[in-house]
Structure formats: structure tokens, C-alpha cells
Amino acid sequence: MPQHGPWFIKDSNDVYSDPFIHVRLDQVIRPDGDDGQHVVVLMKPGVCVLAIDDKNNVYLTREFHYGIGRYSLEAVSGGIDPGEQADVTAKRELAEELGLIAESWEAVGSVDPFTTIVVSPTKTYLARGLTKTASNPEGTELIETVVMPLTEAVERVNSGEITHAPTCVLVLQAMMREKSLS
């Protein structure tokens, strides 16, 4: 019986799969020794990019997201296509969603937006040295560009207005980098 941390997996069944997610149902022995089951949702890995101009303004998207049923302020985000490198995805998504090209890229790290049931690793980037180009959003994306000072974005994270986890992490990391340079 394979061990998964303090869990033991007795059986695993694929429940659903499409190009974006894969759902698996595991029959397990829980850490307390009881039998149980656990669902794991594997999402397509993604990227999140916070674009910052030379005046320390951040460029966010405002878009209605079907899953949460409301508009959300977020840094540029998107899924990594099979065979594509994360940095290539980040550059593509920044151009597609906001019509921006960045001269300077900093790979900040990775965020796990969910950790109990959903596996959705998200590579994070800060992009600077911005140049405008034509945007080319996907047909499902009706994106409004929102530009604000980094300090205001931090306030909106702290007030709960910005809730997208990778964006929250990037905004706070960008502010910490600014403070360390002062």
C-alpha cells in the first residue's frame, strides 16, 4: 500500500479529466487509522505576473470570473500549455491580457493557492520596463486594465478587496522589495 505522508492509499480511481483539470478519488487509511476517501483535483499549472512601471504603479486585470461569480482584481494569470516553459507563458499572458511587454523579469517563486484538495502550482513573476503593445485576450476574457500605485494595491490586499492568492503574494513581495531598496 503506497504511503502519502501520514496517509496510506488503498486504491485510486480517475473520476474526471479535461484539458484543465484531472479529478482523482483515493480510498485511504487516514492518519487516525480509520478508512476514508480523499479527492484530489489536479489543475493545469500556471503563472501569475505583476507588472510594475517606473512610477511604481501596478497593472492589474479586472474581470468577471465564472467560478467565483464576481469581478476580481488580479495580476495577469494563465495556464502553462503542455511543453511550454513557465517564463514563456508569463510573457505570452502579459502581452495577451494587458498588451504589455516587459524588459526586465524576476522569477519570484511559486505559490500553492490551495493545499488540501486542489493541486495548482503557480509560478510567480515581477515584470518591469514596460512597453505597450496590442492585447489579444481569449474569447472568454473581457478584461479591464486597472492601474494603481503599489501602495494602494497593498491596501486593497489588506482590506480584502484583492483576494486572488498569487496576486496577494506578489503584491506583498513587491512592496517588501521596495522597502528593502529604500
C-alpha atoms as a PDB file:
ATOM      1  CA  MET A   1       0.000   0.000   0.000  1.00  0.00           C
ATOM      2  CA  PRO A   2       1.630   3.310  -1.077  1.00  0.00           C
ATOM      3  CA  GLN A   3       2.215   5.823   1.700  1.00  0.00           C
ATOM      4  CA  HIS A   4       1.392   9.501   1.090  1.00  0.00           C
ATOM      5  CA  GLY A   5       2.753  11.403   4.087  1.00  0.00           C
ATOM      6  CA  PRO A   6       0.835  10.033   7.089  1.00  0.00           C
ATOM      7  CA  TRP A   7      -1.910   8.660   4.761  1.00  0.00           C
ATOM      8  CA  PHE A   8      -1.972   5.243   3.048  1.00  0.00           C
ATOM      9  CA  ILE A   9      -3.585   4.905  -0.388  1.00  0.00           C
ATOM     10  CA  LYS A  10      -5.530   1.638  -0.775  1.00  0.00           C
ATOM     11  CA  ASP A  11      -6.964   2.414  -4.209  1.00  0.00           C
ATOM     12  CA  SER A  12      -7.053   5.288  -6.670  1.00  0.00           C
ATOM     13  CA  ASN A  13      -9.628   5.965  -9.400  1.00  0.00           C
ATOM     14  CA  ASP A  14      -9.714   8.663 -12.059  1.00  0.00           C
ATOM     15  CA  VAL A  15     -13.125  10.345 -11.878  1.00  0.00           C
ATOM     16  CA  TYR A  16     -12.915  13.131 -14.469  1.00  0.00           C
ATOM     17  CA  SER A  17     -10.402  14.713 -16.808  1.00  0.00           C
ATOM     18  CA  ASP A  18     -10.342  17.573 -19.314  1.00  0.00           C
ATOM     19  CA  PRO A  19      -7.575  19.872 -20.627  1.00  0.00           C
ATOM     20  CA  PHE A  20      -7.683  21.962 -17.421  1.00  0.00           C
ATOM     21  CA  ILE A  21      -8.309  19.569 -14.523  1.00  0.00           C
ATOM     22  CA  HIS A  22      -7.995  15.944 -13.517  1.00  0.00           C
ATOM     23  CA  VAL A  23     -10.048  14.584 -10.597  1.00  0.00           C
ATOM     24  CA  ARG A  24      -8.913  11.505  -8.671  1.00  0.00           C
ATOM     25  CA  LEU A  25     -10.715   9.702  -5.830  1.00  0.00           C
ATOM     26  CA  ASP A  26      -8.451   7.830  -3.420  1.00  0.00           C
ATOM     27  CA  GLN A  27      -9.610   5.195  -0.940  1.00  0.00           C
ATOM     28  CA  VAL A  28      -7.323   5.754   2.033  1.00  0.00           C
ATOM     29  CA  ILE A  29      -6.366   4.915   5.547  1.00  0.00           C
ATOM     30  CA  ARG A  30      -6.419   8.295   7.289  1.00  0.00           C
ATOM     31  CA  PRO A  31      -3.713   9.452   9.722  1.00  0.00           C
ATOM     32  CA  ASP A  32      -6.000   8.396  12.626  1.00  0.00           C
ATOM     33  CA  GLY A  33      -6.114   4.813  11.239  1.00  0.00           C
ATOM     34  CA  ASP A  34      -9.728   4.967  10.017  1.00  0.00           C
ATOM     35  CA  ASP A  35     -10.753   4.145   6.465  1.00  0.00           C
ATOM     36  CA  GLY A  36     -11.803   7.089   4.325  1.00  0.00           C
ATOM     37  CA  GLN A  37     -11.608   8.695   0.951  1.00  0.00           C
ATOM     38  CA  HIS A  38      -9.905  11.795  -0.362  1.00  0.00           C
ATOM     39  CA  VAL A  39     -10.463  13.675  -3.591  1.00  0.00           C
ATOM     40  CA  VAL A  40      -7.540  15.308  -5.379  1.00  0.00           C
ATOM     41  CA  VAL A  41      -8.082  17.870  -8.141  1.00  0.00           C
ATOM     42  CA  LEU A  42      -5.001  18.395 -10.305  1.00  0.00           C
ATOM     43  CA  MET A  43      -5.182  21.687 -12.182  1.00  0.00           C
ATOM     44  CA  LYS A  44      -3.075  22.775 -15.100  1.00  0.00           C
ATOM     45  CA  PRO A  45      -0.006  24.569 -13.641  1.00  0.00           C
ATOM     46  CA  GLY A  46       0.007  28.306 -14.160  1.00  0.00           C
ATOM     47  CA  VAL A  47       1.761  31.625 -13.884  1.00  0.00           C
ATOM     48  CA  CYS A  48       0.954  34.951 -12.257  1.00  0.00           C
ATOM     49  CA  VAL A  49       2.685  38.179 -13.351  1.00  0.00           C
ATOM     50  CA  LEU A  50       2.649  41.521 -11.551  1.00  0.00           C
ATOM     51  CA  ALA A  51       3.632  44.285 -13.991  1.00  0.00           C
ATOM     52  CA  ILE A  52       5.159  47.381 -12.353  1.00  0.00           C
ATOM     53  CA  ASP A  53       6.014  50.598 -14.204  1.00  0.00           C
ATOM     54  CA  ASP A  54       8.832  53.072 -13.464  1.00  0.00           C
ATOM     55  CA  LYS A  55       6.479  55.145 -11.247  1.00  0.00           C
ATOM     56  CA  ASN A  56       5.770  52.075  -9.066  1.00  0.00           C
ATOM     57  CA  ASN A  57       2.262  51.602 -10.437  1.00  0.00           C
ATOM     58  CA  VAL A  58       0.981  48.057 -10.796  1.00  0.00           C
ATOM     59  CA  TYR A  59      -1.105  46.824 -13.720  1.00  0.00           C
ATOM     60  CA  LEU A  60      -3.957  44.518 -12.761  1.00  0.00           C
ATOM     61  CA  THR A  61      -6.814  42.884 -14.607  1.00  0.00           C
ATOM     62  CA  ARG A  62     -10.437  43.347 -13.607  1.00  0.00           C
ATOM     63  CA  GLU A  63     -12.514  40.543 -14.965  1.00  0.00           C
ATOM     64  CA  PHE A  64     -15.639  38.546 -14.144  1.00  0.00           C
ATOM     65  CA  HIS A  65     -14.631  35.019 -13.135  1.00  0.00           C
ATOM     66  CA  TYR A  66     -17.292  32.393 -13.642  1.00  0.00           C
ATOM     67  CA  GLY A  67     -16.171  30.137 -10.775  1.00  0.00           C
ATOM     68  CA  ILE A  68     -16.466  32.766  -8.031  1.00  0.00           C
ATOM     69  CA  GLY A  69     -19.366  34.538  -9.731  1.00  0.00           C
ATOM     70  CA  ARG A  70     -17.975  38.061  -9.397  1.00  0.00           C
ATOM     71  CA  TYR A  71     -15.405  40.506 -10.702  1.00  0.00           C
ATOM     72  CA  SER A  72     -11.882  40.126  -9.381  1.00  0.00           C
ATOM     73  CA  LEU A  73      -8.794  42.358  -9.392  1.00  0.00           C
ATOM     74  CA  GLU A  74      -5.764  40.257 -10.222  1.00  0.00           C
ATOM     75  CA  ALA A  75      -2.290  40.261 -11.640  1.00  0.00           C
ATOM     76  CA  VAL A  76      -2.074  38.603 -15.063  1.00  0.00           C
ATOM     77  CA  SER A  77      -2.600  34.862 -14.746  1.00  0.00           C
ATOM     78  CA  GLY A  78      -2.807  31.927 -17.084  1.00  0.00           C
ATOM     79  CA  GLY A  79      -2.208  28.251 -17.577  1.00  0.00           C
ATOM     80  CA  ILE A  80       1.066  26.808 -18.819  1.00  0.00           C
ATOM     81  CA  ASP A  81       0.468  24.961 -22.080  1.00  0.00           C
ATOM     82  CA  PRO A  82       1.927  21.438 -22.367  1.00  0.00           C
ATOM     83  CA  GLY A  83       5.583  21.655 -23.389  1.00  0.00           C
ATOM     84  CA  GLU A  84       5.757  25.407 -22.713  1.00  0.00           C
ATOM     85  CA  GLN A  85       8.197  26.896 -20.195  1.00  0.00           C
ATOM     86  CA  ALA A  86       6.666  28.992 -17.398  1.00  0.00           C
ATOM     87  CA  ASP A  87       8.622  32.136 -18.366  1.00  0.00           C
ATOM     88  CA  VAL A  88       7.340  31.868 -21.948  1.00  0.00           C
ATOM     89  CA  THR A  89       3.776  31.550 -20.623  1.00  0.00           C
ATOM     90  CA  ALA A  90       4.286  34.601 -18.375  1.00  0.00           C
ATOM     91  CA  LYS A  91       5.447  36.748 -21.299  1.00  0.00           C
ATOM     92  CA  ARG A  92       2.641  35.497 -23.537  1.00  0.00           C
ATOM     93  CA  GLU A  93      -0.048  36.117 -20.920  1.00  0.00           C
ATOM     94  CA  LEU A  94       1.203  39.648 -20.122  1.00  0.00           C
ATOM     95  CA  ALA A  95       1.025  40.566 -23.808  1.00  0.00           C
ATOM     96  CA  GLU A  96      -2.315  38.823 -24.422  1.00  0.00           C
ATOM     97  CA  GLU A  97      -4.178  40.127 -21.367  1.00  0.00           C
ATOM     98  CA  LEU A  98      -2.758  43.628 -20.838  1.00  0.00           C
ATOM     99  CA  GLY A  99      -0.917  44.377 -24.076  1.00  0.00           C
ATOM    100  CA  LEU A 100       2.387  44.796 -22.247  1.00  0.00           C
ATOM    101  CA  ILE A 101       5.925  43.680 -22.966  1.00  0.00           C
ATOM    102  CA  ALA A 102       8.448  43.783 -20.127  1.00  0.00           C
ATOM    103  CA  GLU A 103      12.171  44.380 -20.460  1.00  0.00           C
ATOM    104  CA  SER A 104      13.034  43.017 -17.003  1.00  0.00           C
ATOM    105  CA  TRP A 105      11.680  39.804 -15.472  1.00  0.00           C
ATOM    106  CA  GLU A 106      12.160  38.477 -11.957  1.00  0.00           C
ATOM    107  CA  ALA A 107      11.062  34.941 -11.184  1.00  0.00           C
ATOM    108  CA  VAL A 108       9.853  35.323  -7.604  1.00  0.00           C
ATOM    109  CA  GLY A 109       8.957  31.719  -6.804  1.00  0.00           C
ATOM    110  CA  SER A 110       5.913  29.533  -6.699  1.00  0.00           C
ATOM    111  CA  VAL A 111       2.589  29.638  -4.867  1.00  0.00           C
ATOM    112  CA  ASP A 112       0.242  26.783  -3.973  1.00  0.00           C
ATOM    113  CA  PRO A 113      -3.096  28.638  -3.926  1.00  0.00           C
ATOM    114  CA  PHE A 114      -4.839  25.584  -2.448  1.00  0.00           C
ATOM    115  CA  THR A 115      -3.223  22.838  -0.399  1.00  0.00           C
ATOM    116  CA  THR A 116      -5.841  20.347   0.804  1.00  0.00           C
ATOM    117  CA  ILE A 117      -7.660  19.084  -2.266  1.00  0.00           C
ATOM    118  CA  VAL A 118      -6.517  21.159  -5.269  1.00  0.00           C
ATOM    119  CA  VAL A 119      -3.002  20.914  -6.695  1.00  0.00           C
ATOM    120  CA  SER A 120      -2.400  24.092  -8.709  1.00  0.00           C
ATOM    121  CA  PRO A 121       1.264  25.184  -8.677  1.00  0.00           C
ATOM    122  CA  THR A 122       1.605  28.774  -9.842  1.00  0.00           C
ATOM    123  CA  LYS A 123       4.964  30.303 -10.831  1.00  0.00           C
ATOM    124  CA  THR A 124       5.163  33.989  -9.914  1.00  0.00           C
ATOM    125  CA  TYR A 125       6.932  36.859 -11.683  1.00  0.00           C
ATOM    126  CA  LEU A 126       7.532  40.587 -11.358  1.00  0.00           C
ATOM    127  CA  ALA A 127       7.769  42.366 -14.712  1.00  0.00           C
ATOM    128  CA  ARG A 128       9.313  45.842 -15.170  1.00  0.00           C
ATOM    129  CA  GLY A 129      10.426  48.090 -18.017  1.00  0.00           C
ATOM    130  CA  LEU A 130       7.003  48.041 -19.615  1.00  0.00           C
ATOM    131  CA  THR A 131       6.183  48.818 -23.235  1.00  0.00           C
ATOM    132  CA  LYS A 132       2.655  48.893 -24.658  1.00  0.00           C
ATOM    133  CA  THR A 133       1.671  46.533 -27.473  1.00  0.00           C
ATOM    134  CA  ALA A 134      -1.648  45.208 -28.767  1.00  0.00           C
ATOM    135  CA  SER A 135      -3.519  42.922 -26.387  1.00  0.00           C
ATOM    136  CA  ASN A 136      -5.107  39.723 -27.636  1.00  0.00           C
ATOM    137  CA  PRO A 137      -7.302  38.203 -24.916  1.00  0.00           C
ATOM    138  CA  GLU A 138      -9.009  34.855 -25.363  1.00  0.00           C
ATOM    139  CA  GLY A 139     -12.680  34.796 -26.287  1.00  0.00           C
ATOM    140  CA  THR A 140     -13.682  34.096 -22.680  1.00  0.00           C
ATOM    141  CA  GLU A 141     -11.757  37.118 -21.373  1.00  0.00           C
ATOM    142  CA  LEU A 142     -13.369  40.546 -21.105  1.00  0.00           C
ATOM    143  CA  ILE A 143     -10.508  42.276 -19.335  1.00  0.00           C
ATOM    144  CA  GLU A 144     -10.339  45.815 -17.998  1.00  0.00           C
ATOM    145  CA  THR A 145      -6.858  47.133 -17.191  1.00  0.00           C
ATOM    146  CA  VAL A 146      -6.610  48.722 -13.742  1.00  0.00           C
ATOM    147  CA  VAL A 147      -3.517  50.776 -12.903  1.00  0.00           C
ATOM    148  CA  MET A 148      -2.803  51.880  -9.336  1.00  0.00           C
ATOM    149  CA  PRO A 149       0.149  52.680  -7.087  1.00  0.00           C
ATOM    150  CA  LEU A 150       1.738  49.633  -5.475  1.00  0.00           C
ATOM    151  CA  THR A 151       0.878  51.102  -2.053  1.00  0.00           C
ATOM    152  CA  GLU A 152      -2.817  51.170  -2.998  1.00  0.00           C
ATOM    153  CA  ALA A 153      -2.641  47.551  -4.168  1.00  0.00           C
ATOM    154  CA  VAL A 154      -1.185  46.609  -0.757  1.00  0.00           C
ATOM    155  CA  GLU A 155      -4.090  48.427   0.933  1.00  0.00           C
ATOM    156  CA  ARG A 156      -6.569  46.549  -1.261  1.00  0.00           C
ATOM    157  CA  VAL A 157      -4.923  43.229  -0.356  1.00  0.00           C
ATOM    158  CA  ASN A 158      -5.100  44.123   3.347  1.00  0.00           C
ATOM    159  CA  SER A 159      -8.748  45.236   3.096  1.00  0.00           C
ATOM    160  CA  GLY A 160      -9.767  42.005   1.357  1.00  0.00           C
ATOM    161  CA  GLU A 161     -10.663  43.639  -1.950  1.00  0.00           C
ATOM    162  CA  ILE A 162      -7.893  41.755  -3.779  1.00  0.00           C
ATOM    163  CA  THR A 163      -8.425  38.078  -2.946  1.00  0.00           C
ATOM    164  CA  HIS A 164      -6.611  36.139  -5.697  1.00  0.00           C
ATOM    165  CA  ALA A 165      -3.933  34.333  -3.662  1.00  0.00           C
ATOM    166  CA  PRO A 166      -0.987  34.538  -6.116  1.00  0.00           C
ATOM    167  CA  THR A 167      -1.734  38.248  -6.685  1.00  0.00           C
ATOM    168  CA  CYS A 168      -1.801  38.891  -2.932  1.00  0.00           C
ATOM    169  CA  VAL A 169       1.578  37.193  -2.531  1.00  0.00           C
ATOM    170  CA  LEU A 170       3.109  39.111  -5.455  1.00  0.00           C
ATOM    171  CA  VAL A 171       1.812  42.496  -4.279  1.00  0.00           C
ATOM    172  CA  LEU A 172       3.224  41.957  -0.808  1.00  0.00           C
ATOM    173  CA  GLN A 173       6.537  40.636  -2.167  1.00  0.00           C
ATOM    174  CA  ALA A 174       6.839  43.658  -4.479  1.00  0.00           C
ATOM    175  CA  MET A 175       6.267  46.010  -1.545  1.00  0.00           C
ATOM    176  CA  MET A 176       8.851  44.189   0.582  1.00  0.00           C
ATOM    177  CA  ARG A 177      11.380  44.505  -2.250  1.00  0.00           C
ATOM    178  CA  GLU A 178      10.650  48.255  -2.487  1.00  0.00           C
ATOM    179  CA  LYS A 179      11.162  48.676   1.260  1.00  0.00           C
ATOM    180  CA  SER A 180      14.469  46.790   1.168  1.00  0.00           C
ATOM    181  CA  LEU A 181      15.737  49.139  -1.582  1.00  0.00           C
ATOM    182  CA  SER A 182      14.875  52.290   0.415  1.00  0.00           C
END
